N, C-alpha and C. Protein backbone atom coordinates (compact mmCIF):
# COMPACT_ATOMS: atom_id res chain seq x y z
N MET A 1 26.45 2.65 62.40
CA MET A 1 25.15 3.10 61.88
C MET A 1 25.35 4.01 60.66
N ASN A 2 26.30 4.96 60.78
CA ASN A 2 26.56 5.86 59.66
C ASN A 2 26.99 5.10 58.42
N ARG A 3 27.79 4.03 58.67
CA ARG A 3 28.24 3.23 57.54
C ARG A 3 27.07 2.53 56.86
N VAL A 4 26.11 2.02 57.61
CA VAL A 4 24.91 1.35 57.06
C VAL A 4 24.08 2.33 56.27
N ILE A 5 23.90 3.52 56.86
CA ILE A 5 23.13 4.55 56.17
C ILE A 5 23.79 4.94 54.86
N SER A 6 25.09 5.04 54.86
CA SER A 6 25.83 5.40 53.65
C SER A 6 25.65 4.35 52.57
N LYS A 7 25.70 3.07 52.97
CA LYS A 7 25.53 1.99 52.02
C LYS A 7 24.12 2.00 51.42
N VAL A 8 23.12 2.25 52.30
CA VAL A 8 21.72 2.31 51.81
C VAL A 8 21.56 3.47 50.84
N ALA A 9 22.13 4.61 51.21
CA ALA A 9 22.05 5.79 50.34
C ALA A 9 22.72 5.53 49.00
N LEU A 10 23.87 4.88 49.05
CA LEU A 10 24.59 4.56 47.81
C LEU A 10 23.79 3.62 46.94
N ALA A 11 23.23 2.59 47.56
CA ALA A 11 22.41 1.62 46.80
C ALA A 11 21.20 2.31 46.19
N SER A 12 20.54 3.18 46.98
CA SER A 12 19.37 3.91 46.48
C SER A 12 19.75 4.81 45.31
N GLY A 13 20.92 5.43 45.44
CA GLY A 13 21.39 6.30 44.36
C GLY A 13 21.65 5.54 43.08
N MET A 14 22.20 4.34 43.21
CA MET A 14 22.49 3.51 42.03
C MET A 14 21.20 3.07 41.36
N VAL A 15 20.20 2.69 42.18
CA VAL A 15 18.90 2.28 41.62
C VAL A 15 18.26 3.44 40.89
N LEU A 16 18.29 4.64 41.52
CA LEU A 16 17.71 5.83 40.90
C LEU A 16 18.41 6.17 39.59
N ALA A 17 19.74 6.09 39.61
CA ALA A 17 20.51 6.39 38.40
C ALA A 17 20.17 5.41 37.29
N SER A 18 20.04 4.14 37.65
CA SER A 18 19.70 3.11 36.68
C SER A 18 18.32 3.35 36.09
N TRP A 19 17.36 3.74 36.97
CA TRP A 19 15.99 4.00 36.51
C TRP A 19 15.97 5.19 35.58
N CYS A 20 16.71 6.24 35.95
CA CYS A 20 16.76 7.44 35.11
C CYS A 20 17.36 7.13 33.73
N ALA A 21 18.40 6.29 33.73
CA ALA A 21 19.06 5.93 32.47
C ALA A 21 18.12 5.14 31.57
N SER A 22 17.38 4.19 32.17
CA SER A 22 16.46 3.38 31.38
C SER A 22 15.30 4.22 30.89
N THR A 23 14.83 5.17 31.71
CA THR A 23 13.76 6.06 31.29
C THR A 23 14.20 6.95 30.14
N ALA A 24 15.43 7.46 30.23
CA ALA A 24 15.95 8.30 29.16
C ALA A 24 16.11 7.52 27.86
N ALA A 25 16.57 6.28 27.98
CA ALA A 25 16.74 5.43 26.79
C ALA A 25 15.39 5.17 26.15
N PHE A 26 14.36 4.92 27.00
CA PHE A 26 13.02 4.67 26.47
C PHE A 26 12.49 5.91 25.76
N ALA A 27 12.72 7.07 26.38
CA ALA A 27 12.23 8.33 25.80
C ALA A 27 12.89 8.60 24.45
N GLN A 28 14.15 8.15 24.30
CA GLN A 28 14.88 8.41 23.07
C GLN A 28 14.61 7.35 21.99
N ALA A 29 13.90 6.28 22.36
CA ALA A 29 13.61 5.22 21.39
C ALA A 29 12.78 5.79 20.24
N LYS A 30 13.17 5.50 19.02
CA LYS A 30 12.47 6.01 17.85
C LYS A 30 11.49 4.96 17.35
N VAL A 31 10.21 5.34 17.32
CA VAL A 31 9.14 4.43 16.94
C VAL A 31 8.75 4.67 15.49
N PHE A 32 8.69 3.61 14.71
CA PHE A 32 8.23 3.66 13.33
C PHE A 32 6.72 3.87 13.36
N GLU A 33 6.26 5.01 12.86
CA GLU A 33 4.84 5.30 12.93
C GLU A 33 4.37 6.09 11.72
N ILE A 34 3.07 5.94 11.43
CA ILE A 34 2.43 6.64 10.32
C ILE A 34 1.30 7.49 10.88
N SER A 35 1.10 8.67 10.29
CA SER A 35 0.07 9.57 10.77
C SER A 35 -0.56 10.29 9.58
N SER A 36 -1.62 11.07 9.86
CA SER A 36 -2.31 11.80 8.80
C SER A 36 -2.82 13.12 9.34
N THR A 37 -2.77 14.15 8.50
CA THR A 37 -3.38 15.43 8.84
C THR A 37 -4.84 15.47 8.39
N THR A 38 -5.26 14.48 7.60
CA THR A 38 -6.63 14.42 7.09
C THR A 38 -7.60 13.86 8.12
N PHE A 39 -7.13 12.91 8.92
CA PHE A 39 -7.99 12.30 9.93
C PHE A 39 -7.12 11.80 11.09
N LYS A 40 -7.75 11.62 12.23
CA LYS A 40 -7.05 11.09 13.39
C LYS A 40 -7.17 9.58 13.41
N ASP A 41 -6.16 8.92 13.94
CA ASP A 41 -6.21 7.46 14.05
C ASP A 41 -7.45 7.06 14.85
N GLY A 42 -8.30 6.24 14.24
CA GLY A 42 -9.54 5.83 14.89
C GLY A 42 -10.69 6.79 14.67
N GLY A 43 -10.45 7.87 13.93
CA GLY A 43 -11.48 8.86 13.66
C GLY A 43 -12.10 8.68 12.28
N MET A 44 -13.07 9.52 11.97
CA MET A 44 -13.80 9.40 10.70
C MET A 44 -13.01 10.02 9.54
N LEU A 45 -13.03 9.35 8.42
CA LEU A 45 -12.50 9.91 7.19
C LEU A 45 -13.48 10.95 6.67
N PRO A 46 -13.00 12.01 6.04
CA PRO A 46 -13.93 12.99 5.46
C PRO A 46 -14.65 12.42 4.25
N VAL A 47 -15.80 12.98 3.93
CA VAL A 47 -16.59 12.49 2.81
C VAL A 47 -15.81 12.54 1.50
N LYS A 48 -14.95 13.55 1.34
CA LYS A 48 -14.20 13.65 0.09
C LYS A 48 -13.27 12.46 -0.14
N ALA A 49 -12.93 11.72 0.94
CA ALA A 49 -12.06 10.54 0.80
C ALA A 49 -12.81 9.32 0.27
N ALA A 50 -14.15 9.38 0.29
CA ALA A 50 -14.94 8.26 -0.25
C ALA A 50 -14.80 8.23 -1.77
N ASN A 51 -15.05 7.07 -2.34
CA ASN A 51 -14.97 6.95 -3.80
C ASN A 51 -16.06 7.79 -4.45
N SER A 52 -15.87 8.08 -5.73
CA SER A 52 -16.78 8.99 -6.44
C SER A 52 -17.73 8.24 -7.38
N LYS A 53 -18.82 8.90 -7.70
CA LYS A 53 -19.77 8.33 -8.66
C LYS A 53 -19.13 8.20 -10.04
N ALA A 54 -18.18 9.09 -10.32
CA ALA A 54 -17.49 9.01 -11.61
C ALA A 54 -16.73 7.70 -11.75
N ASN A 55 -16.17 7.20 -10.64
CA ASN A 55 -15.43 5.94 -10.67
C ASN A 55 -16.34 4.72 -10.58
N ALA A 56 -17.49 4.88 -9.94
CA ALA A 56 -18.42 3.75 -9.75
C ALA A 56 -19.85 4.25 -9.93
N PRO A 57 -20.24 4.53 -11.17
CA PRO A 57 -21.55 5.13 -11.42
C PRO A 57 -22.74 4.27 -11.01
N ASN A 58 -22.52 2.97 -10.86
CA ASN A 58 -23.62 2.08 -10.50
C ASN A 58 -23.71 1.80 -9.00
N ASN A 59 -22.86 2.45 -8.22
CA ASN A 59 -22.85 2.24 -6.77
C ASN A 59 -23.29 3.53 -6.08
N ALA A 60 -24.50 3.54 -5.55
CA ALA A 60 -25.05 4.74 -4.91
C ALA A 60 -24.35 5.08 -3.60
N ASN A 61 -23.53 4.16 -3.10
CA ASN A 61 -22.82 4.40 -1.84
C ASN A 61 -21.50 5.14 -2.02
N CYS A 62 -21.13 5.39 -3.27
CA CYS A 62 -19.90 6.14 -3.54
C CYS A 62 -20.27 7.62 -3.63
N VAL A 63 -20.06 8.33 -2.53
CA VAL A 63 -20.59 9.69 -2.39
C VAL A 63 -19.50 10.75 -2.28
N GLY A 64 -18.25 10.38 -2.51
CA GLY A 64 -17.15 11.31 -2.30
C GLY A 64 -16.49 11.79 -3.57
N GLU A 65 -15.22 12.15 -3.44
CA GLU A 65 -14.42 12.65 -4.56
C GLU A 65 -13.19 11.79 -4.82
N ASN A 66 -13.04 10.72 -4.08
CA ASN A 66 -11.89 9.82 -4.17
C ASN A 66 -10.56 10.56 -3.97
N VAL A 67 -10.54 11.42 -2.98
CA VAL A 67 -9.31 12.15 -2.62
C VAL A 67 -8.60 11.36 -1.53
N SER A 68 -7.46 10.78 -1.86
CA SER A 68 -6.71 10.00 -0.87
C SER A 68 -6.25 10.90 0.27
N PRO A 69 -6.25 10.38 1.50
CA PRO A 69 -5.82 11.21 2.63
C PRO A 69 -4.32 11.46 2.63
N GLN A 70 -3.93 12.54 3.28
CA GLN A 70 -2.50 12.79 3.49
C GLN A 70 -1.96 11.75 4.45
N LEU A 71 -0.78 11.25 4.15
CA LEU A 71 -0.13 10.26 5.00
C LEU A 71 1.36 10.60 5.10
N SER A 72 1.93 10.45 6.27
CA SER A 72 3.36 10.65 6.43
C SER A 72 3.87 9.72 7.51
N TRP A 73 5.18 9.44 7.47
CA TRP A 73 5.74 8.51 8.44
C TRP A 73 7.13 8.94 8.85
N VAL A 74 7.55 8.39 10.00
CA VAL A 74 8.87 8.71 10.57
C VAL A 74 9.51 7.46 11.13
N ASN A 75 10.81 7.50 11.27
CA ASN A 75 11.61 6.48 11.95
C ASN A 75 11.47 5.06 11.39
N PRO A 76 11.61 4.88 10.07
CA PRO A 76 11.59 3.52 9.53
C PRO A 76 12.83 2.76 9.96
N PRO A 77 12.80 1.43 9.88
CA PRO A 77 14.00 0.65 10.21
C PRO A 77 15.19 1.08 9.36
N ALA A 78 16.38 1.01 9.93
CA ALA A 78 17.59 1.52 9.28
C ALA A 78 17.90 0.84 7.95
N ASP A 79 17.52 -0.43 7.81
CA ASP A 79 17.87 -1.18 6.60
C ASP A 79 16.75 -1.18 5.56
N THR A 80 15.82 -0.26 5.67
CA THR A 80 14.70 -0.19 4.72
C THR A 80 15.19 0.18 3.32
N LYS A 81 14.75 -0.60 2.33
CA LYS A 81 15.08 -0.31 0.94
C LYS A 81 13.86 0.15 0.13
N SER A 82 12.67 -0.19 0.61
CA SER A 82 11.45 0.29 -0.03
C SER A 82 10.28 0.08 0.93
N PHE A 83 9.16 0.76 0.62
CA PHE A 83 7.95 0.62 1.42
C PHE A 83 6.81 0.02 0.59
N VAL A 84 5.93 -0.67 1.30
CA VAL A 84 4.64 -1.13 0.76
C VAL A 84 3.57 -0.37 1.51
N LEU A 85 2.55 0.10 0.81
CA LEU A 85 1.44 0.81 1.45
C LEU A 85 0.13 0.19 1.00
N LEU A 86 -0.63 -0.34 1.97
CA LEU A 86 -1.88 -1.02 1.69
C LEU A 86 -3.04 -0.32 2.39
N MET A 87 -4.24 -0.47 1.83
CA MET A 87 -5.46 0.00 2.48
C MET A 87 -6.48 -1.12 2.42
N GLU A 88 -6.97 -1.52 3.58
CA GLU A 88 -7.88 -2.66 3.67
C GLU A 88 -9.17 -2.27 4.40
N ASP A 89 -10.27 -2.87 3.97
CA ASP A 89 -11.54 -2.78 4.70
C ASP A 89 -11.92 -4.21 5.10
N PRO A 90 -11.62 -4.62 6.33
CA PRO A 90 -11.89 -6.01 6.73
C PRO A 90 -13.37 -6.36 6.78
N GLU A 91 -14.24 -5.36 6.97
CA GLU A 91 -15.69 -5.65 7.03
C GLU A 91 -16.33 -5.72 5.65
N GLY A 92 -15.69 -5.14 4.66
CA GLY A 92 -16.26 -5.11 3.32
C GLY A 92 -16.24 -6.48 2.66
N ARG A 93 -17.35 -6.82 2.03
CA ARG A 93 -17.49 -8.10 1.31
C ARG A 93 -17.01 -9.27 2.18
N ALA A 94 -17.40 -9.22 3.43
CA ALA A 94 -16.99 -10.26 4.39
C ALA A 94 -17.32 -11.65 3.84
N PRO A 95 -16.46 -12.66 4.12
CA PRO A 95 -15.29 -12.58 4.99
C PRO A 95 -13.99 -12.20 4.27
N ALA A 96 -14.05 -11.95 2.97
CA ALA A 96 -12.82 -11.70 2.21
C ALA A 96 -12.22 -10.33 2.49
N GLY A 97 -13.06 -9.34 2.78
CA GLY A 97 -12.57 -7.97 2.91
C GLY A 97 -12.35 -7.34 1.54
N VAL A 98 -12.12 -6.04 1.55
CA VAL A 98 -11.87 -5.30 0.31
C VAL A 98 -10.47 -4.67 0.39
N HIS A 99 -9.67 -4.91 -0.64
CA HIS A 99 -8.32 -4.35 -0.72
C HIS A 99 -8.41 -3.06 -1.55
N HIS A 100 -8.53 -1.93 -0.87
CA HIS A 100 -8.79 -0.65 -1.54
C HIS A 100 -7.56 -0.07 -2.21
N MET A 101 -6.38 -0.48 -1.77
CA MET A 101 -5.16 0.06 -2.37
C MET A 101 -4.01 -0.91 -2.16
N VAL A 102 -3.28 -1.17 -3.22
CA VAL A 102 -2.09 -2.02 -3.16
C VAL A 102 -0.98 -1.26 -3.89
N THR A 103 -0.06 -0.68 -3.13
CA THR A 103 1.06 0.06 -3.72
C THR A 103 2.36 -0.39 -3.07
N TYR A 104 3.43 -0.33 -3.82
CA TYR A 104 4.73 -0.80 -3.33
C TYR A 104 5.83 -0.13 -4.14
N GLY A 105 7.09 -0.53 -3.89
CA GLY A 105 8.20 0.08 -4.62
C GLY A 105 8.39 1.55 -4.26
N ILE A 106 7.96 1.93 -3.06
CA ILE A 106 8.11 3.31 -2.60
C ILE A 106 9.53 3.47 -2.04
N ALA A 107 10.28 4.39 -2.60
CA ALA A 107 11.69 4.56 -2.22
C ALA A 107 11.83 4.92 -0.74
N PRO A 108 12.95 4.52 -0.12
CA PRO A 108 13.16 4.80 1.30
C PRO A 108 13.30 6.29 1.61
N THR A 109 13.52 7.10 0.57
CA THR A 109 13.64 8.55 0.77
C THR A 109 12.27 9.23 0.85
N VAL A 110 11.22 8.52 0.46
CA VAL A 110 9.87 9.07 0.52
C VAL A 110 9.37 9.00 1.96
N THR A 111 8.80 10.09 2.44
CA THR A 111 8.31 10.14 3.82
C THR A 111 6.81 10.41 3.92
N GLY A 112 6.13 10.39 2.77
CA GLY A 112 4.69 10.59 2.83
C GLY A 112 4.10 10.96 1.48
N PHE A 113 2.76 11.13 1.49
CA PHE A 113 2.01 11.52 0.30
C PHE A 113 1.03 12.63 0.68
N ALA A 114 0.90 13.60 -0.19
CA ALA A 114 -0.05 14.68 0.02
C ALA A 114 -1.46 14.20 -0.28
N GLU A 115 -2.47 14.97 0.16
CA GLU A 115 -3.85 14.62 -0.16
C GLU A 115 -4.02 14.50 -1.68
N GLY A 116 -4.66 13.43 -2.10
CA GLY A 116 -4.94 13.22 -3.51
C GLY A 116 -3.81 12.62 -4.31
N GLU A 117 -2.62 12.53 -3.72
CA GLU A 117 -1.46 12.06 -4.47
C GLU A 117 -1.54 10.57 -4.81
N LEU A 118 -2.20 9.80 -3.96
CA LEU A 118 -2.34 8.36 -4.21
C LEU A 118 -3.56 8.04 -5.08
N SER A 119 -4.31 9.07 -5.45
CA SER A 119 -5.52 8.87 -6.26
C SER A 119 -5.22 8.81 -7.75
N LYS A 120 -3.97 8.99 -8.10
CA LYS A 120 -3.56 8.94 -9.51
C LYS A 120 -2.19 8.30 -9.61
N PRO A 121 -1.84 7.74 -10.76
CA PRO A 121 -0.52 7.12 -10.92
C PRO A 121 0.59 8.11 -10.63
N SER A 122 1.71 7.59 -10.12
CA SER A 122 2.84 8.45 -9.76
C SER A 122 4.14 7.67 -9.87
N ASP A 123 5.21 8.39 -10.12
CA ASP A 123 6.54 7.77 -10.14
C ASP A 123 7.00 7.41 -8.74
N LYS A 124 6.29 7.88 -7.71
CA LYS A 124 6.69 7.62 -6.33
C LYS A 124 6.28 6.24 -5.83
N PHE A 125 5.43 5.54 -6.58
CA PHE A 125 5.03 4.19 -6.17
C PHE A 125 4.72 3.33 -7.38
N VAL A 126 4.76 2.02 -7.16
CA VAL A 126 4.35 1.05 -8.18
C VAL A 126 2.93 0.62 -7.83
N GLY A 127 2.04 0.70 -8.79
CA GLY A 127 0.65 0.33 -8.56
C GLY A 127 0.46 -1.17 -8.69
N GLY A 128 -0.17 -1.75 -7.68
CA GLY A 128 -0.53 -3.16 -7.74
C GLY A 128 -1.91 -3.33 -8.34
N LYS A 129 -2.71 -4.22 -7.74
CA LYS A 129 -4.07 -4.43 -8.24
C LYS A 129 -5.01 -4.56 -7.04
N ALA A 130 -5.79 -3.52 -6.83
CA ALA A 130 -6.76 -3.52 -5.75
C ALA A 130 -7.96 -4.38 -6.13
N THR A 131 -8.86 -4.58 -5.19
CA THR A 131 -10.09 -5.33 -5.47
C THR A 131 -10.85 -4.69 -6.63
N GLN A 132 -10.79 -3.37 -6.73
CA GLN A 132 -11.48 -2.64 -7.80
C GLN A 132 -10.74 -2.74 -9.13
N GLY A 133 -9.58 -3.37 -9.14
CA GLY A 133 -8.85 -3.58 -10.38
C GLY A 133 -7.86 -2.49 -10.74
N THR A 134 -7.70 -1.49 -9.87
CA THR A 134 -6.79 -0.38 -10.18
C THR A 134 -5.50 -0.48 -9.38
N GLY A 135 -4.51 0.36 -9.75
CA GLY A 135 -3.25 0.40 -9.03
C GLY A 135 -3.10 1.65 -8.20
N ILE A 136 -4.23 2.30 -7.89
CA ILE A 136 -4.21 3.53 -7.11
C ILE A 136 -5.20 3.42 -5.95
N TYR A 137 -5.39 4.54 -5.26
CA TYR A 137 -6.33 4.62 -4.14
C TYR A 137 -7.77 4.50 -4.62
N ASN A 138 -8.55 3.69 -3.92
CA ASN A 138 -9.99 3.57 -4.17
C ASN A 138 -10.70 3.82 -2.85
N GLY A 139 -11.39 4.94 -2.75
CA GLY A 139 -12.03 5.32 -1.50
C GLY A 139 -13.20 4.43 -1.12
N PRO A 140 -13.68 4.59 0.12
CA PRO A 140 -14.80 3.79 0.61
C PRO A 140 -16.10 4.03 -0.15
N CYS A 141 -16.90 2.99 -0.21
CA CYS A 141 -18.28 3.07 -0.68
C CYS A 141 -19.14 2.32 0.34
N THR A 142 -18.99 2.71 1.59
CA THR A 142 -19.66 2.02 2.68
C THR A 142 -21.16 2.29 2.64
N PRO A 143 -22.01 1.26 2.80
CA PRO A 143 -23.45 1.49 2.81
C PRO A 143 -23.88 2.26 4.06
N PRO A 144 -25.07 2.86 4.03
CA PRO A 144 -25.55 3.58 5.21
C PRO A 144 -26.13 2.61 6.24
N ASN A 145 -26.39 3.13 7.43
CA ASN A 145 -27.08 2.38 8.48
C ASN A 145 -26.34 1.11 8.89
N VAL A 146 -25.03 1.18 8.88
CA VAL A 146 -24.21 0.08 9.39
C VAL A 146 -23.16 0.68 10.32
N GLN A 147 -22.52 -0.18 11.12
CA GLN A 147 -21.41 0.30 11.93
C GLN A 147 -20.29 0.76 10.99
N PRO A 148 -19.66 1.90 11.27
CA PRO A 148 -18.58 2.37 10.39
C PRO A 148 -17.53 1.29 10.16
N HIS A 149 -17.09 1.17 8.90
CA HIS A 149 -16.05 0.21 8.58
C HIS A 149 -14.69 0.78 8.97
N HIS A 150 -13.74 -0.13 9.21
CA HIS A 150 -12.40 0.25 9.66
C HIS A 150 -11.43 0.17 8.46
N TYR A 151 -11.11 1.32 7.90
CA TYR A 151 -10.20 1.38 6.75
C TYR A 151 -8.77 1.50 7.27
N THR A 152 -8.04 0.41 7.12
CA THR A 152 -6.71 0.29 7.73
C THR A 152 -5.62 0.54 6.70
N PHE A 153 -4.80 1.55 6.96
CA PHE A 153 -3.64 1.84 6.12
C PHE A 153 -2.43 1.20 6.80
N THR A 154 -1.78 0.29 6.10
CA THR A 154 -0.62 -0.42 6.65
C THR A 154 0.61 -0.10 5.82
N LEU A 155 1.62 0.42 6.49
CA LEU A 155 2.90 0.74 5.85
C LEU A 155 3.92 -0.30 6.27
N ILE A 156 4.55 -0.94 5.29
CA ILE A 156 5.51 -2.01 5.57
C ILE A 156 6.87 -1.62 5.02
N ALA A 157 7.88 -1.65 5.88
CA ALA A 157 9.26 -1.42 5.45
C ALA A 157 9.84 -2.75 4.99
N THR A 158 10.46 -2.78 3.82
CA THR A 158 11.00 -4.03 3.27
C THR A 158 12.47 -3.86 2.87
N ASP A 159 13.12 -4.99 2.61
CA ASP A 159 14.49 -4.95 2.09
C ASP A 159 14.51 -5.21 0.58
N LEU A 160 13.35 -5.03 -0.06
CA LEU A 160 13.25 -5.15 -1.51
C LEU A 160 13.62 -3.82 -2.16
N GLU A 161 14.35 -3.87 -3.26
CA GLU A 161 14.65 -2.65 -4.00
C GLU A 161 13.35 -2.13 -4.64
N PRO A 162 13.23 -0.82 -4.82
CA PRO A 162 11.99 -0.24 -5.35
C PRO A 162 11.52 -0.84 -6.68
N LYS A 163 12.44 -1.28 -7.52
CA LYS A 163 12.06 -1.81 -8.84
C LYS A 163 12.09 -3.34 -8.89
N ASP A 164 12.17 -4.00 -7.74
CA ASP A 164 12.25 -5.46 -7.71
C ASP A 164 10.96 -6.14 -8.19
N LEU A 165 9.82 -5.50 -7.92
CA LEU A 165 8.54 -6.14 -8.20
C LEU A 165 7.83 -5.48 -9.37
N ALA A 166 7.23 -6.32 -10.21
CA ALA A 166 6.50 -5.82 -11.37
C ALA A 166 5.18 -5.18 -10.95
N PRO A 167 4.66 -4.26 -11.75
CA PRO A 167 3.36 -3.66 -11.45
C PRO A 167 2.24 -4.70 -11.53
N GLY A 168 1.10 -4.38 -10.93
CA GLY A 168 -0.10 -5.20 -11.10
C GLY A 168 -0.26 -6.36 -10.15
N LEU A 169 0.55 -6.45 -9.10
CA LEU A 169 0.41 -7.56 -8.16
C LEU A 169 -0.79 -7.34 -7.25
N THR A 170 -1.53 -8.40 -7.00
CA THR A 170 -2.61 -8.33 -6.02
C THR A 170 -1.99 -8.35 -4.62
N ARG A 171 -2.81 -8.10 -3.62
CA ARG A 171 -2.31 -8.13 -2.25
C ARG A 171 -1.72 -9.49 -1.92
N GLU A 172 -2.41 -10.56 -2.33
CA GLU A 172 -1.94 -11.92 -2.04
C GLU A 172 -0.63 -12.21 -2.76
N GLU A 173 -0.51 -11.77 -4.01
CA GLU A 173 0.73 -11.98 -4.76
C GLU A 173 1.88 -11.19 -4.15
N LEU A 174 1.58 -9.99 -3.67
CA LEU A 174 2.60 -9.16 -3.04
C LEU A 174 3.10 -9.81 -1.75
N ILE A 175 2.19 -10.29 -0.94
CA ILE A 175 2.57 -10.94 0.31
C ILE A 175 3.44 -12.17 0.03
N ALA A 176 3.09 -12.90 -1.03
CA ALA A 176 3.86 -14.09 -1.39
C ALA A 176 5.30 -13.74 -1.76
N LYS A 177 5.53 -12.53 -2.26
CA LYS A 177 6.89 -12.09 -2.59
C LYS A 177 7.68 -11.73 -1.33
N MET A 178 6.97 -11.35 -0.27
CA MET A 178 7.65 -10.94 0.96
C MET A 178 7.81 -12.08 1.95
N VAL A 179 6.97 -13.09 1.82
CA VAL A 179 7.02 -14.24 2.72
C VAL A 179 7.24 -15.49 1.89
N VAL A 180 8.49 -15.88 1.73
CA VAL A 180 8.87 -17.03 0.92
C VAL A 180 9.38 -18.13 1.85
N GLN A 181 8.78 -19.29 1.75
CA GLN A 181 9.17 -20.39 2.64
C GLN A 181 10.65 -20.72 2.50
N GLY A 182 11.32 -20.83 3.64
CA GLY A 182 12.74 -21.16 3.65
C GLY A 182 13.67 -19.99 3.44
N GLN A 183 13.10 -18.77 3.29
CA GLN A 183 13.92 -17.58 3.10
C GLN A 183 13.63 -16.56 4.19
N PRO A 184 14.55 -15.65 4.46
CA PRO A 184 14.30 -14.62 5.47
C PRO A 184 13.12 -13.74 5.08
N LEU A 185 12.38 -13.29 6.07
CA LEU A 185 11.25 -12.41 5.84
C LEU A 185 11.73 -11.10 5.23
N ARG A 186 11.07 -10.65 4.17
CA ARG A 186 11.50 -9.43 3.49
C ARG A 186 10.97 -8.17 4.19
N ALA A 187 9.96 -8.31 5.02
CA ALA A 187 9.42 -7.18 5.78
C ALA A 187 10.27 -6.94 7.01
N LYS A 188 10.62 -5.69 7.26
CA LYS A 188 11.51 -5.33 8.37
C LYS A 188 10.78 -4.57 9.48
N GLY A 189 9.57 -4.18 9.24
CA GLY A 189 8.79 -3.45 10.24
C GLY A 189 7.51 -2.94 9.61
N SER A 190 6.55 -2.56 10.44
CA SER A 190 5.28 -2.06 9.91
C SER A 190 4.66 -1.06 10.86
N ALA A 191 3.79 -0.23 10.31
CA ALA A 191 3.05 0.75 11.08
C ALA A 191 1.67 0.89 10.45
N GLY A 192 0.69 1.32 11.24
CA GLY A 192 -0.66 1.41 10.70
C GLY A 192 -1.47 2.53 11.31
N ILE A 193 -2.51 2.91 10.59
CA ILE A 193 -3.45 3.92 11.04
C ILE A 193 -4.83 3.55 10.48
N VAL A 194 -5.88 3.80 11.27
CA VAL A 194 -7.23 3.38 10.89
C VAL A 194 -8.16 4.58 10.79
N GLY A 195 -8.87 4.67 9.65
CA GLY A 195 -9.90 5.68 9.47
C GLY A 195 -11.26 5.00 9.34
N LEU A 196 -12.27 5.58 9.94
CA LEU A 196 -13.62 5.02 9.87
C LEU A 196 -14.44 5.72 8.81
N PHE A 197 -15.43 4.98 8.25
CA PHE A 197 -16.34 5.63 7.30
C PHE A 197 -17.63 4.83 7.20
N VAL A 198 -18.72 5.58 7.03
CA VAL A 198 -20.03 5.02 6.71
C VAL A 198 -20.76 6.10 5.90
N LYS A 199 -21.58 5.69 4.97
CA LYS A 199 -22.29 6.66 4.14
C LYS A 199 -23.21 7.52 5.02
N PRO A 200 -23.07 8.83 4.92
CA PRO A 200 -23.94 9.72 5.74
C PRO A 200 -25.41 9.55 5.33
N ASN A 201 -26.29 9.66 6.31
CA ASN A 201 -27.74 9.58 6.01
C ASN A 201 -28.23 10.90 5.44
């Protein structure tokens, strides 16, 4: 009987040790993620993040200051050579959506942008071509009395060198550079965060 009990105890101990080891490994796993001090994931963007009348004088729904939110990220894939940072509004101009920001060529040493930093050209990124025709951040101009739109910031880690791509690429042209038929995918991982916005009444 004592021998049986000892075997059961030993087996239980091995299972517990294995569970503890797997739990510790999970706890130590580093997740590639993006966050913001300006807004919470799934929360409302501040009014100052909306586009301004100065940028779109004919659009009464642009009620902000076009101040890009603060963004930062941690734990990118080890082989990252550059980042792509996009901002999309899938509900805008449905079904096409609105591409509010197309930026790329962000060096792997960059870990974020301060508030307003994406609202103007910078050596820290290459400007593509957003729906609005610019290579920088373009804030929301969401109409009132609608469900808040979901402004999705997507950060993509790539194996492209920061200067591999020319400025002025649209979102579709950029994706075509990362997804080439018959070649390995250039994207190595991605992370995202969503901010909501609707014009205040």
